């Protein structure tokens, strides 16, 4: 968040970490959310976006799933400097990586039923739209932006 020029989000994340690690039994419980300290997720892809780096082409990577070139670089940085990867013990690194992969896949199982039509195109469009929404903080450009309130339009 600091690299993105968002110090308020960095303070909020720091407060969540402090509260959840002390009062939340070393992070096992999320007590910050009921206290009104909301999550403000950030990743290195978002930082690169803020710095003006183009997303590049869409990639469907085996095992890792959908990415762009920029999000792949961001993912590499995020995983390289994550707490589990900083462990000296390789077995723990593999264990935490496997748990994360299982968690991500478990969260996607329900979404498999939503896929209609061409699976690749559906996943590509859903991924790119979701990333755009995340990167812009929910500000998505719509195709009707040239139509203003009070304008007349023709019905066909």
Foldseek 3Di string as FASTA:
>chain_A
DVLLVCVVLVVLVVVQQVCCCPVVVHNPRRPVVVVPSDHQDDWVLLSVVSVPDDQADWDQDPLVGIGTPSVVVRVVVCLCPDPQNPDPDVVSNVVVVVVVSVVVVVVCPVVVVVDDDDNVVSRVVVVVVVVVCSSVVNDDDDPCVVDDPPDDDDDD
